[in-house]
Amino acid sequence: KIPTLPPLPPLLGMLIAGFLIRNIPWVTE
């Protein structure tokens, strides 16, 4: 939450989560 700003879109977190799953060595296996 940033005062006076709209909330960041949750889809950004979803995108980053998928990206991390693909690029963390043990997890991607």
PDB file of all heavy atoms in Angstrom:
ATOM      1  N   LYS A   1       0.843  -1.190   0.000  1.00  0.00           N
ATOM      2  CA  LYS A   1       0.000   0.000   0.000  1.00  0.00           C
ATOM      3  C   LYS A   1       0.886   1.250   0.000  1.00  0.00           C
ATOM      4  O   LYS A   1       1.715   1.423   0.889  1.00  0.00           O
ATOM      5  CB  LYS A   1      -0.910   0.026   1.234  1.00  0.00           C
ATOM      6  CG  LYS A   1      -1.814  -1.202   1.377  1.00  0.00           C
ATOM      7  CD  LYS A   1      -2.854  -1.287   0.271  1.00  0.00           C
ATOM      8  CE  LYS A   1      -3.780  -2.480   0.498  1.00  0.00           C
ATOM      9  NZ  LYS A   1      -4.783  -2.603  -0.582  1.00  0.00           N
ATOM     10  N   ILE A   2       0.688   2.087  -1.003  1.00  0.00           N
ATOM     11  CA  ILE A   2       1.408   3.357  -1.087  1.00  0.00           C
ATOM     12  C   ILE A   2       0.380   4.472  -0.929  1.00  0.00           C
ATOM     13  O   ILE A   2      -0.577   4.536  -1.705  1.00  0.00           O
ATOM     14  CB  ILE A   2       2.145   3.493  -2.430  1.00  0.00           C
ATOM     15  CG1 ILE A   2       3.087   2.288  -2.646  1.00  0.00           C
ATOM     16  CG2 ILE A   2       2.929   4.801  -2.491  1.00  0.00           C
ATOM     17  CD1 ILE A   2       3.765   2.273  -3.985  1.00  0.00           C
ATOM     18  N   PRO A   3       0.535   5.329   0.063  1.00  0.00           N
ATOM     19  CA  PRO A   3      -0.454   6.394   0.283  1.00  0.00           C
ATOM     20  C   PRO A   3      -0.686   7.233  -0.962  1.00  0.00           C
ATOM     21  O   PRO A   3       0.256   7.544  -1.692  1.00  0.00           O
ATOM     22  CB  PRO A   3       0.173   7.223   1.414  1.00  0.00           C
ATOM     23  CG  PRO A   3       1.113   6.282   2.100  1.00  0.00           C
ATOM     24  CD  PRO A   3       1.631   5.361   1.045  1.00  0.00           C
ATOM     25  N   THR A   4      -1.951   7.567  -1.204  1.00  0.00           N
ATOM     26  CA  THR A   4      -2.418   8.406  -2.320  1.00  0.00           C
ATOM     27  C   THR A   4      -2.273   7.740  -3.678  1.00  0.00           C
ATOM     28  O   THR A   4      -2.543   8.362  -4.705  1.00  0.00           O
ATOM     29  CB  THR A   4      -1.679   9.768  -2.363  1.00  0.00           C
ATOM     30  OG1 THR A   4      -0.325   9.556  -2.794  1.00  0.00           O
ATOM     31  CG2 THR A   4      -1.698  10.452  -1.004  1.00  0.00           C
ATOM     32  N   LEU A   5      -1.838   6.471  -3.713  1.00  0.00           N
ATOM     33  CA  LEU A   5      -1.702   5.763  -4.986  1.00  0.00           C
ATOM     34  C   LEU A   5      -2.645   4.581  -5.031  1.00  0.00           C
ATOM     35  O   LEU A   5      -2.945   3.965  -3.999  1.00  0.00           O
ATOM     36  CB  LEU A   5      -0.268   5.270  -5.174  1.00  0.00           C
ATOM     37  CG  LEU A   5       0.816   6.331  -5.408  1.00  0.00           C
ATOM     38  CD1 LEU A   5       2.165   5.643  -5.577  1.00  0.00           C
ATOM     39  CD2 LEU A   5       0.488   7.178  -6.621  1.00  0.00           C
ATOM     40  N   PRO A   6      -3.130   4.208  -6.231  1.00  0.00           N
ATOM     41  CA  PRO A   6      -3.950   3.001  -6.337  1.00  0.00           C
ATOM     42  C   PRO A   6      -3.102   1.778  -6.039  1.00  0.00           C
ATOM     43  O   PRO A   6      -1.871   1.811  -6.205  1.00  0.00           O
ATOM     44  CB  PRO A   6      -4.410   3.021  -7.809  1.00  0.00           C
ATOM     45  CG  PRO A   6      -3.387   3.837  -8.520  1.00  0.00           C
ATOM     46  CD  PRO A   6      -2.935   4.867  -7.527  1.00  0.00           C
ATOM     47  N   PRO A   7      -3.700   0.690  -5.594  1.00  0.00           N
ATOM     48  CA  PRO A   7      -2.917  -0.517  -5.290  1.00  0.00           C
ATOM     49  C   PRO A   7      -2.263  -1.083  -6.542  1.00  0.00           C
ATOM     50  O   PRO A   7      -2.799  -0.969  -7.649  1.00  0.00           O
ATOM     51  CB  PRO A   7      -3.974  -1.477  -4.720  1.00  0.00           C
ATOM     52  CG  PRO A   7      -5.275  -0.991  -5.277  1.00  0.00           C
ATOM     53  CD  PRO A   7      -5.140   0.502  -5.369  1.00  0.00           C
ATOM     54  N   LEU A   8      -1.101  -1.700  -6.370  1.00  0.00           N
ATOM     55  CA  LEU A   8      -0.440  -2.355  -7.489  1.00  0.00           C
ATOM     56  C   LEU A   8      -1.285  -3.540  -7.948  1.00  0.00           C
ATOM     57  O   LEU A   8      -1.889  -4.226  -7.137  1.00  0.00           O
ATOM     58  CB  LEU A   8       0.952  -2.836  -7.077  1.00  0.00           C
ATOM     59  CG  LEU A   8       1.990  -1.742  -6.783  1.00  0.00           C
ATOM     60  CD1 LEU A   8       3.281  -2.370  -6.281  1.00  0.00           C
ATOM     61  CD2 LEU A   8       2.257  -0.901  -8.025  1.00  0.00           C
ATOM     62  N   PRO A   9      -1.347  -3.813  -9.246  1.00  0.00           N
ATOM     63  CA  PRO A   9      -2.184  -4.914  -9.742  1.00  0.00           C
ATOM     64  C   PRO A   9      -1.669  -6.265  -9.265  1.00  0.00           C
ATOM     65  O   PRO A   9      -0.473  -6.558  -9.423  1.00  0.00           O
ATOM     66  CB  PRO A   9      -2.082  -4.777 -11.270  1.00  0.00           C
ATOM     67  CG  PRO A   9      -0.830  -3.990 -11.504  1.00  0.00           C
ATOM     68  CD  PRO A   9      -0.669  -3.084 -10.330  1.00  0.00           C
ATOM     69  N   PRO A  10      -2.538  -7.115  -8.691  1.00  0.00           N
ATOM     70  CA  PRO A  10      -2.099  -8.441  -8.229  1.00  0.00           C
ATOM     71  C   PRO A  10      -1.501  -9.293  -9.335  1.00  0.00           C
ATOM     72  O   PRO A  10      -0.669 -10.170  -9.064  1.00  0.00           O
ATOM     73  CB  PRO A  10      -3.393  -9.063  -7.690  1.00  0.00           C
ATOM     74  CG  PRO A  10      -4.267  -7.904  -7.349  1.00  0.00           C
ATOM     75  CD  PRO A  10      -3.947  -6.850  -8.361  1.00  0.00           C
ATOM     76  N   LEU A  11      -1.908  -9.056 -10.588  1.00  0.00           N
ATOM     77  CA  LEU A  11      -1.385  -9.847 -11.695  1.00  0.00           C
ATOM     78  C   LEU A  11       0.136  -9.745 -11.794  1.00  0.00           C
ATOM     79  O   LEU A  11       0.797 -10.653 -12.314  1.00  0.00           O
ATOM     80  CB  LEU A  11      -2.042  -9.416 -13.005  1.00  0.00           C
ATOM     81  CG  LEU A  11      -1.935  -7.941 -13.422  1.00  0.00           C
ATOM     82  CD1 LEU A  11      -0.675  -7.658 -14.208  1.00  0.00           C
ATOM     83  CD2 LEU A  11      -3.169  -7.544 -14.211  1.00  0.00           C
ATOM     84  N   LEU A  12       0.709  -8.655 -11.290  1.00  0.00           N
ATOM     85  CA  LEU A  12       2.159  -8.508 -11.303  1.00  0.00           C
ATOM     86  C   LEU A  12       2.812  -9.571 -10.424  1.00  0.00           C
ATOM     87  O   LEU A  12       3.817 -10.188 -10.803  1.00  0.00           O
ATOM     88  CB  LEU A  12       2.536  -7.109 -10.827  1.00  0.00           C
ATOM     89  CG  LEU A  12       4.020  -6.743 -10.874  1.00  0.00           C
ATOM     90  CD1 LEU A  12       4.521  -6.743 -12.310  1.00  0.00           C
ATOM     91  CD2 LEU A  12       4.266  -5.390 -10.220  1.00  0.00           C
ATOM     92  N   GLY A  13       2.228  -9.809  -9.248  1.00  0.00           N
ATOM     93  CA  GLY A  13       2.739 -10.850  -8.366  1.00  0.00           C
ATOM     94  C   GLY A  13       2.585 -12.233  -8.963  1.00  0.00           C
ATOM     95  O   GLY A  13       3.454 -13.106  -8.783  1.00  0.00           O
ATOM     96  N   MET A  14       1.470 -12.460  -9.659  1.00  0.00           N
ATOM     97  CA  MET A  14       1.250 -13.757 -10.307  1.00  0.00           C
ATOM     98  C   MET A  14       2.303 -14.006 -11.383  1.00  0.00           C
ATOM     99  O   MET A  14       2.829 -15.115 -11.517  1.00  0.00           O
ATOM    100  CB  MET A  14      -0.151 -13.795 -10.924  1.00  0.00           C
ATOM    101  CG  MET A  14      -1.278 -13.593  -9.927  1.00  0.00           C
ATOM    102  SD  MET A  14      -2.870 -13.419 -10.764  1.00  0.00           S
ATOM    103  CE  MET A  14      -3.929 -12.992  -9.354  1.00  0.00           C
ATOM    104  N   LEU A  15       2.605 -12.966 -12.157  1.00  0.00           N
ATOM    105  CA  LEU A  15       3.606 -13.086 -13.221  1.00  0.00           C
ATOM    106  C   LEU A  15       4.988 -13.381 -12.644  1.00  0.00           C
ATOM    107  O   LEU A  15       5.701 -14.270 -13.127  1.00  0.00           O
ATOM    108  CB  LEU A  15       3.633 -11.786 -14.021  1.00  0.00           C
ATOM    109  CG  LEU A  15       4.455 -11.761 -15.300  1.00  0.00           C
ATOM    110  CD1 LEU A  15       3.729 -12.516 -16.405  1.00  0.00           C
ATOM    111  CD2 LEU A  15       4.720 -10.327 -15.741  1.00  0.00           C
ATOM    112  N   ILE A  16       5.345 -12.657 -11.597  1.00  0.00           N
ATOM    113  CA  ILE A  16       6.659 -12.849 -10.976  1.00  0.00           C
ATOM    114  C   ILE A  16       6.762 -14.228 -10.337  1.00  0.00           C
ATOM    115  O   ILE A  16       7.818 -14.876 -10.384  1.00  0.00           O
ATOM    116  CB  ILE A  16       6.922 -11.739  -9.937  1.00  0.00           C
ATOM    117  CG1 ILE A  16       7.024 -10.384 -10.648  1.00  0.00           C
ATOM    118  CG2 ILE A  16       8.192 -12.019  -9.156  1.00  0.00           C
ATOM    119  CD1 ILE A  16       7.142  -9.206  -9.701  1.00  0.00           C
ATOM    120  N   ALA A  17       5.659 -14.708  -9.749  1.00  0.00           N
ATOM    121  CA  ALA A  17       5.667 -16.046  -9.124  1.00  0.00           C
ATOM    122  C   ALA A  17       5.990 -17.121 -10.159  1.00  0.00           C
ATOM    123  O   ALA A  17       6.814 -18.010  -9.925  1.00  0.00           O
ATOM    124  CB  ALA A  17       4.318 -16.316  -8.466  1.00  0.00           C
ATOM    125  N   GLY A  18       5.330 -17.045 -11.317  1.00  0.00           N
ATOM    126  CA  GLY A  18       5.628 -18.015 -12.377  1.00  0.00           C
ATOM    127  C   GLY A  18       7.048 -17.906 -12.872  1.00  0.00           C
ATOM    128  O   GLY A  18       7.721 -18.917 -13.141  1.00  0.00           O
ATOM    129  N   PHE A  19       7.553 -16.676 -12.990  1.00  0.00           N
ATOM    130  CA  PHE A  19       8.925 -16.460 -13.440  1.00  0.00           C
ATOM    131  C   PHE A  19       9.931 -17.055 -12.455  1.00  0.00           C
ATOM    132  O   PHE A  19      10.912 -17.703 -12.851  1.00  0.00           O
ATOM    133  CB  PHE A  19       9.168 -14.957 -13.605  1.00  0.00           C
ATOM    134  CG  PHE A  19      10.558 -14.595 -14.028  1.00  0.00           C
ATOM    135  CD1 PHE A  19      10.976 -14.776 -15.330  1.00  0.00           C
ATOM    136  CD2 PHE A  19      11.457 -14.081 -13.099  1.00  0.00           C
ATOM    137  CE1 PHE A  19      12.268 -14.436 -15.717  1.00  0.00           C
ATOM    138  CE2 PHE A  19      12.744 -13.736 -13.472  1.00  0.00           C
ATOM    139  CZ  PHE A  19      13.151 -13.918 -14.788  1.00  0.00           C
ATOM    140  N   LEU A  20       9.688 -16.875 -11.157  1.00  0.00           N
ATOM    141  CA  LEU A  20      10.601 -17.421 -10.139  1.00  0.00           C
ATOM    142  C   LEU A  20      10.575 -18.946 -10.137  1.00  0.00           C
ATOM    143  O   LEU A  20      11.619 -19.595  -9.983  1.00  0.00           O
ATOM    144  CB  LEU A  20      10.224 -16.873  -8.760  1.00  0.00           C
ATOM    145  CG  LEU A  20      10.469 -15.385  -8.540  1.00  0.00           C
ATOM    146  CD1 LEU A  20       9.960 -14.954  -7.170  1.00  0.00           C
ATOM    147  CD2 LEU A  20      11.951 -15.045  -8.686  1.00  0.00           C
ATOM    148  N   ILE A  21       9.386 -19.522 -10.291  1.00  0.00           N
ATOM    149  CA  ILE A  21       9.286 -20.984 -10.318  1.00  0.00           C
ATOM    150  C   ILE A  21      10.125 -21.552 -11.459  1.00  0.00           C
ATOM    151  O   ILE A  21      10.790 -22.583 -11.310  1.00  0.00           O
ATOM    152  CB  ILE A  21       7.805 -21.405 -10.454  1.00  0.00           C
ATOM    153  CG1 ILE A  21       7.087 -21.186  -9.119  1.00  0.00           C
ATOM    154  CG2 ILE A  21       7.691 -22.866 -10.886  1.00  0.00           C
ATOM    155  CD1 ILE A  21       5.602 -21.471  -9.180  1.00  0.00           C
ATOM    156  N   ARG A  22      10.101 -20.877 -12.599  1.00  0.00           N
ATOM    157  CA  ARG A  22      10.853 -21.368 -13.757  1.00  0.00           C
ATOM    158  C   ARG A  22      12.360 -21.197 -13.586  1.00  0.00           C
ATOM    159  O   ARG A  22      13.147 -22.000 -14.136  1.00  0.00           O
ATOM    160  CB  ARG A  22      10.390 -20.626 -15.015  1.00  0.00           C
ATOM    161  CG  ARG A  22      11.172 -20.971 -16.285  1.00  0.00           C
ATOM    162  CD  ARG A  22      10.985 -22.446 -16.650  1.00  0.00           C
ATOM    163  NE  ARG A  22      11.783 -22.819 -17.789  1.00  0.00           N
ATOM    164  CZ  ARG A  22      11.401 -22.691 -19.057  1.00  0.00           C
ATOM    165  NH1 ARG A  22      10.204 -22.175 -19.328  1.00  0.00           N
ATOM    166  NH2 ARG A  22      12.170 -23.078 -20.038  1.00  0.00           N
ATOM    167  N   ASN A  23      12.800 -20.206 -12.827  1.00  0.00           N
ATOM    168  CA  ASN A  23      14.215 -19.846 -12.814  1.00  0.00           C
ATOM    169  C   ASN A  23      14.937 -20.139 -11.508  1.00  0.00           C
ATOM    170  O   ASN A  23      16.113 -19.795 -11.375  1.00  0.00           O
ATOM    171  CB  ASN A  23      14.357 -18.364 -13.172  1.00  0.00           C
ATOM    172  CG  ASN A  23      13.981 -18.082 -14.618  1.00  0.00           C
ATOM    173  OD1 ASN A  23      14.750 -18.334 -15.529  1.00  0.00           O
ATOM    174  ND2 ASN A  23      12.767 -17.580 -14.819  1.00  0.00           N
ATOM    175  N   ILE A  24      14.267 -20.750 -10.511  1.00  0.00           N
ATOM    176  CA  ILE A  24      14.954 -21.231  -9.310  1.00  0.00           C
ATOM    177  C   ILE A  24      15.310 -22.694  -9.540  1.00  0.00           C
ATOM    178  O   ILE A  24      14.412 -23.531  -9.719  1.00  0.00           O
ATOM    179  CB  ILE A  24      14.068 -21.062  -8.060  1.00  0.00           C
ATOM    180  CG1 ILE A  24      13.774 -19.576  -7.813  1.00  0.00           C
ATOM    181  CG2 ILE A  24      14.746 -21.671  -6.842  1.00  0.00           C
ATOM    182  CD1 ILE A  24      12.851 -19.316  -6.653  1.00  0.00           C
ATOM    183  N   PRO A  25      16.596 -23.044  -9.565  1.00  0.00           N
ATOM    184  CA  PRO A  25      17.035 -24.367 -10.037  1.00  0.00           C
ATOM    185  C   PRO A  25      16.288 -25.557  -9.443  1.00  0.00           C
ATOM    186  O   PRO A  25      15.739 -26.370 -10.183  1.00  0.00           O
ATOM    187  CB  PRO A  25      18.523 -24.389  -9.656  1.00  0.00           C
ATOM    188  CG  PRO A  25      18.924 -22.950  -9.676  1.00  0.00           C
ATOM    189  CD  PRO A  25      17.725 -22.193  -9.198  1.00  0.00           C
ATOM    190  N   TRP A  26      16.259 -25.693  -8.126  1.00  0.00           N
ATOM    191  CA  TRP A  26      15.641 -26.888  -7.542  1.00  0.00           C
ATOM    192  C   TRP A  26      14.127 -26.888  -7.763  1.00  0.00           C
ATOM    193  O   TRP A  26      13.531 -27.936  -8.033  1.00  0.00           O
ATOM    194  CB  TRP A  26      15.938 -26.962  -6.040  1.00  0.00           C
ATOM    195  CG  TRP A  26      15.354 -28.179  -5.385  1.00  0.00           C
ATOM    196  CD1 TRP A  26      15.900 -29.433  -5.345  1.00  0.00           C
ATOM    197  CD2 TRP A  26      14.103 -28.271  -4.696  1.00  0.00           C
ATOM    198  NE1 TRP A  26      15.076 -30.303  -4.675  1.00  0.00           N
ATOM    199  CE2 TRP A  26      13.958 -29.619  -4.256  1.00  0.00           C
ATOM    200  CE3 TRP A  26      13.097 -27.365  -4.397  1.00  0.00           C
ATOM    201  CZ2 TRP A  26      12.852 -30.054  -3.553  1.00  0.00           C
ATOM    202  CZ3 TRP A  26      11.987 -27.802  -3.695  1.00  0.00           C
ATOM    203  CH2 TRP A  26      11.869 -29.131  -3.279  1.00  0.00           C
ATOM    204  N   VAL A  27      13.525 -25.732  -7.663  1.00  0.00           N
ATOM    205  CA  VAL A  27      12.073 -25.636  -7.809  1.00  0.00           C
ATOM    206  C   VAL A  27      11.627 -26.012  -9.208  1.00  0.00           C
ATOM    207  O   VAL A  27      10.644 -26.744  -9.397  1.00  0.00           O
ATOM    208  CB  VAL A  27      11.585 -24.206  -7.459  1.00  0.00           C
ATOM    209  CG1 VAL A  27      10.086 -24.064  -7.714  1.00  0.00           C
ATOM    210  CG2 VAL A  27      11.905 -23.886  -6.012  1.00  0.00           C
ATOM    211  N   THR A  28      12.330 -25.530 -10.223  1.00  0.00           N
ATOM    212  CA  THR A  28      11.917 -25.794 -11.596  1.00  0.00           C
ATOM    213  C   THR A  28      11.981 -27.274 -11.948  1.00  0.00           C
ATOM    214  O   THR A  28      11.278 -27.748 -12.852  1.00  0.00           O
ATOM    215  CB  THR A  28      12.779 -24.977 -12.584  1.00  0.00           C
ATOM    216  OG1 THR A  28      12.214 -25.064 -13.884  1.00  0.00           O
ATOM    217  CG2 THR A  28      14.209 -25.506 -12.622  1.00  0.00           C
ATOM    218  N   GLU A  29      12.814 -28.037 -11.230  1.00  0.00           N
ATOM    219  CA  GLU A  29      12.878 -29.486 -11.465  1.00  0.00           C
ATOM    220  C   GLU A  29      11.667 -30.205 -10.891  1.00  0.00           C
ATOM    221  O   GLU A  29      11.288 -31.279 -11.365  1.00  0.00           O
ATOM    222  CB  GLU A  29      14.154 -30.050 -10.845  1.00  0.00           C
ATOM    223  CG  GLU A  29      15.438 -29.534 -11.505  1.00  0.00           C
ATOM    224  CD  GLU A  29      16.679 -30.017 -10.784  1.00  0.00           C
ATOM    225  OE1 GLU A  29      16.516 -30.770  -9.787  1.00  0.00           O
ATOM    226  OE2 GLU A  29      17.789 -29.651 -11.191  1.00  0.00           O
TER     227      GLU A  29
END
